[in-house]
Amino acid sequence: MRASSGWVISMIEVYALTAAIFSGIATALAAYATWQSPLAAARLAETMRRQAEQAERRYANKMELFTTLMQERAAIYSESGVRALNLIDVVFNESREVRDAWAELLLSFDPSSNTPPAVQQERLRRLLGVMAKDIGLTDQLRTDDLGRVYFPNALQEERFIKDAQRRQIIKQLLESQGGATANTALPPPPNPWPPKPQ
């Protein structure tokens, strides 16, 4: 009986020693976690701050591009309108719907497509609509808001005069370079991209 009670006592000591070891490990891990948690919290806070800053910057870029296109929608071919259109793929890179609407509008600008101006205007309104949706303005803007434009006659006339002057200068340049007529088309600009590898 004594031998078995000694064995029970030694088993209790083994269990106590094992429990003490695990308790020591748990205490060490808790101390390590206590030491690391402020660092982890600081890293998490910095990551969240950076993400919020990036989201804010992305929204501001989208809003700036959208408002530029809204300002230029009466004459989207203006310099700032063209610049804004060319930035769509970058600024709205994660919005497939906006980029698809832009691609449709761009196709309508191709002279060989013979797209009527009314269709181009409808595609521009669609582009503005999906941009407004992406930005979160669809509750405030209606389709007719996107199409309503103030473009006074004085501005139209001024643009007409500038266009006529530009055409006259081009005609004079073409004629001075070899007797080209007014109907001669401008040569295509050189391709800025290298040829595709064969």
Protein backbone atom coordinates (compact mmCIF):
# COMPACT_ATOMS: atom_id res chain seq x y z
CA MET A 1 0.00 0.00 0.00
CA ARG A 2 2.89 2.32 0.81
CA ALA A 3 4.52 1.70 -2.53
CA SER A 4 1.38 2.61 -4.39
CA SER A 5 0.89 5.76 -2.34
CA GLY A 6 4.47 6.83 -3.17
CA TRP A 7 3.68 6.27 -6.80
CA VAL A 8 0.53 8.42 -6.49
CA ILE A 9 2.55 11.18 -4.81
CA SER A 10 5.19 11.10 -7.55
CA MET A 11 2.42 11.25 -10.19
CA ILE A 12 0.93 14.26 -8.43
CA GLU A 13 4.36 15.88 -8.40
CA VAL A 14 4.75 15.18 -12.15
CA TYR A 15 1.32 16.71 -12.82
CA ALA A 16 2.18 19.70 -10.63
CA LEU A 17 5.52 20.14 -12.38
CA THR A 18 3.85 19.87 -15.82
CA ALA A 19 1.20 22.40 -14.78
CA ALA A 20 3.92 24.74 -13.51
CA ILE A 21 5.82 24.46 -16.80
CA PHE A 22 2.69 25.20 -18.85
CA SER A 23 1.83 28.05 -16.52
CA GLY A 24 5.32 29.46 -16.99
CA ILE A 25 5.01 29.19 -20.78
CA ALA A 26 1.57 30.85 -20.67
CA THR A 27 2.98 33.65 -18.50
CA ALA A 28 5.90 34.15 -20.92
CA LEU A 29 3.53 34.24 -23.90
CA ALA A 30 1.26 36.70 -22.12
CA ALA A 31 4.25 38.91 -21.33
CA TYR A 32 5.39 38.72 -24.96
CA ALA A 33 1.87 39.55 -26.20
CA THR A 34 1.67 42.46 -23.76
CA TRP A 35 4.99 43.73 -25.05
CA GLN A 36 4.04 43.20 -28.74
CA SER A 37 0.43 44.42 -28.66
CA PRO A 38 1.26 48.16 -28.59
CA LEU A 39 3.59 47.63 -31.56
CA ALA A 40 0.96 45.61 -33.43
CA ALA A 41 -1.70 48.18 -32.58
CA ALA A 42 0.55 50.98 -33.84
CA ARG A 43 1.22 49.09 -37.09
CA LEU A 44 -2.50 48.42 -37.53
CA ALA A 45 -3.35 52.07 -36.85
CA GLU A 46 -0.73 53.23 -39.37
CA THR A 47 -2.02 50.80 -42.01
CA MET A 48 -5.61 51.94 -41.44
CA ARG A 49 -4.56 55.60 -41.61
CA ARG A 50 -2.72 55.00 -44.90
CA GLN A 51 -5.68 53.14 -46.38
CA ALA A 52 -8.09 55.89 -45.33
CA GLU A 53 -5.77 58.52 -46.80
CA GLN A 54 -5.53 56.61 -50.09
CA ALA A 55 -9.32 56.17 -50.25
CA GLU A 56 -9.78 59.89 -49.58
CA ARG A 57 -7.27 60.79 -52.30
CA ARG A 58 -8.92 58.37 -54.74
CA TYR A 59 -12.34 59.91 -54.05
CA ALA A 60 -10.95 63.44 -54.48
CA ASN A 61 -9.35 62.48 -57.83
CA LYS A 62 -12.62 60.92 -59.02
CA MET A 63 -14.61 63.95 -57.95
CA GLU A 64 -12.20 66.35 -59.65
CA LEU A 65 -12.29 64.40 -62.90
CA PHE A 66 -16.10 64.12 -62.78
CA THR A 67 -16.57 67.84 -62.14
CA THR A 68 -14.16 68.69 -64.98
CA LEU A 69 -16.17 66.55 -67.39
CA MET A 70 -19.40 68.10 -66.12
CA GLN A 71 -17.96 71.58 -66.74
CA GLU A 72 -16.78 70.66 -70.23
CA ARG A 73 -19.73 68.53 -71.35
CA ALA A 74 -21.01 71.24 -73.72
CA ALA A 75 -17.74 71.05 -75.67
CA ILE A 76 -16.00 67.90 -74.49
CA TYR A 77 -13.30 68.42 -77.13
CA SER A 78 -11.85 71.32 -75.10
CA GLU A 79 -8.30 70.86 -73.85
CA SER A 80 -9.31 70.24 -70.23
CA GLY A 81 -12.15 67.96 -71.35
CA VAL A 82 -9.77 65.85 -73.43
CA ARG A 83 -7.27 65.71 -70.55
CA ALA A 84 -10.00 64.54 -68.18
CA LEU A 85 -11.24 61.88 -70.60
CA ASN A 86 -7.72 60.52 -71.00
CA LEU A 87 -7.37 60.13 -67.22
CA ILE A 88 -10.49 57.97 -66.78
CA ASP A 89 -8.71 54.62 -67.09
CA VAL A 90 -6.26 55.58 -64.35
CA VAL A 91 -8.55 57.39 -61.92
CA PHE A 92 -11.42 54.88 -62.25
CA ASN A 93 -9.15 51.86 -62.72
CA GLU A 94 -11.20 49.66 -60.37
CA SER A 95 -14.56 50.59 -61.91
CA ARG A 96 -15.20 48.36 -64.91
CA GLU A 97 -18.58 50.02 -65.62
CA VAL A 98 -17.00 53.50 -65.93
CA ARG A 99 -14.18 52.24 -68.13
CA ASP A 100 -16.62 50.38 -70.40
CA ALA A 101 -18.77 53.52 -70.78
CA TRP A 102 -15.62 55.51 -71.63
CA ALA A 103 -14.59 52.89 -74.23
CA GLU A 104 -18.03 53.19 -75.89
CA LEU A 105 -17.76 56.97 -75.99
CA LEU A 106 -14.23 56.80 -77.38
CA LEU A 107 -15.36 54.49 -80.18
CA SER A 108 -18.01 57.04 -81.15
CA PHE A 109 -15.28 59.69 -81.59
CA ASP A 110 -13.64 57.66 -84.36
CA PRO A 111 -14.41 59.52 -87.62
CA SER A 112 -14.80 56.25 -89.51
CA SER A 113 -17.66 55.20 -87.21
CA ASN A 114 -19.88 58.04 -88.51
CA THR A 115 -21.57 58.21 -85.10
CA PRO A 116 -24.20 60.96 -84.98
CA PRO A 117 -23.61 63.76 -82.44
CA ALA A 118 -26.85 62.81 -80.62
CA VAL A 119 -25.44 59.32 -79.96
CA GLN A 120 -22.15 60.81 -78.76
CA GLN A 121 -24.08 63.06 -76.35
CA GLU A 122 -26.10 60.08 -75.09
CA ARG A 123 -22.89 58.10 -74.51
CA LEU A 124 -21.33 61.06 -72.70
CA ARG A 125 -24.41 61.28 -70.43
CA ARG A 126 -24.16 57.53 -69.78
CA LEU A 127 -20.47 57.92 -68.88
CA LEU A 128 -21.27 60.78 -66.51
CA GLY A 129 -24.09 58.72 -65.00
CA VAL A 130 -21.94 55.70 -64.20
CA MET A 131 -19.22 58.00 -62.84
CA ALA A 132 -21.80 59.67 -60.57
CA LYS A 133 -22.93 56.22 -59.43
CA ASP A 134 -19.35 55.17 -58.66
CA ILE A 135 -18.73 58.35 -56.67
CA GLY A 136 -22.02 57.98 -54.80
CA LEU A 137 -23.94 60.91 -56.31
CA THR A 138 -26.79 58.98 -57.94
CA ASP A 139 -29.24 59.99 -55.23
CA GLN A 140 -28.55 63.66 -55.91
CA LEU A 141 -28.22 63.69 -59.73
CA ARG A 142 -30.82 62.70 -62.31
CA THR A 143 -30.23 61.90 -65.98
CA ASP A 144 -31.61 65.27 -67.09
CA ASP A 145 -29.16 66.99 -64.69
CA LEU A 146 -26.30 65.37 -66.60
CA GLY A 147 -27.64 66.61 -69.94
CA ARG A 148 -28.56 70.15 -68.93
CA VAL A 149 -25.89 72.48 -70.31
CA TYR A 150 -25.49 76.25 -70.54
CA PHE A 151 -23.42 77.15 -73.60
CA PRO A 152 -24.18 80.73 -74.69
CA ASN A 153 -24.02 81.83 -78.32
CA ALA A 154 -21.05 84.10 -77.63
CA LEU A 155 -18.95 81.10 -76.55
CA GLN A 156 -20.13 79.02 -79.50
CA GLU A 157 -19.23 81.86 -81.87
CA GLU A 158 -15.83 82.32 -80.24
CA ARG A 159 -15.06 78.63 -80.64
CA PHE A 160 -16.30 78.74 -84.24
CA ILE A 161 -13.96 81.69 -84.98
CA LYS A 162 -10.97 79.93 -83.38
CA ASP A 163 -11.75 76.77 -85.35
CA ALA A 164 -12.05 78.75 -88.61
CA GLN A 165 -8.73 80.51 -87.90
CA ARG A 166 -7.05 77.19 -87.14
CA ARG A 167 -8.35 75.70 -90.41
CA GLN A 168 -7.15 78.74 -92.35
CA ILE A 169 -3.66 78.45 -90.85
CA ILE A 170 -3.55 74.72 -91.67
CA LYS A 171 -4.66 75.46 -95.24
CA GLN A 172 -1.92 78.08 -95.64
CA LEU A 173 0.71 75.73 -94.23
CA LEU A 174 -0.33 72.91 -96.54
CA GLU A 175 -0.32 75.21 -99.56
CA SER A 176 3.13 76.57 -98.68
CA GLN A 177 4.54 73.04 -98.44
CA GLY A 178 3.88 71.96 -101.96
CA GLY A 179 0.78 73.46 -103.40
CA ALA A 180 -1.68 71.29 -101.49
CA THR A 181 -5.30 72.28 -101.81
CA ALA A 182 -7.73 73.07 -99.03
CA ASN A 183 -9.21 69.59 -99.37
CA THR A 184 -5.89 67.88 -98.66
CA ALA A 185 -6.02 66.04 -95.36
CA LEU A 186 -3.32 66.47 -92.78
CA PRO A 187 -0.76 63.67 -92.74
CA PRO A 188 -1.15 61.35 -89.75
CA PRO A 189 1.14 62.14 -86.82
CA PRO A 190 4.11 59.82 -86.35
CA ASN A 191 3.40 56.83 -84.14
CA PRO A 192 4.96 57.46 -80.69
CA TRP A 193 4.99 53.72 -79.91
CA PRO A 194 7.61 51.30 -81.18
CA PRO A 195 6.40 48.66 -83.63
CA LYS A 196 5.16 45.38 -82.18
CA PRO A 197 7.78 42.60 -82.18
CA GLN A 198 7.29 40.06 -84.95
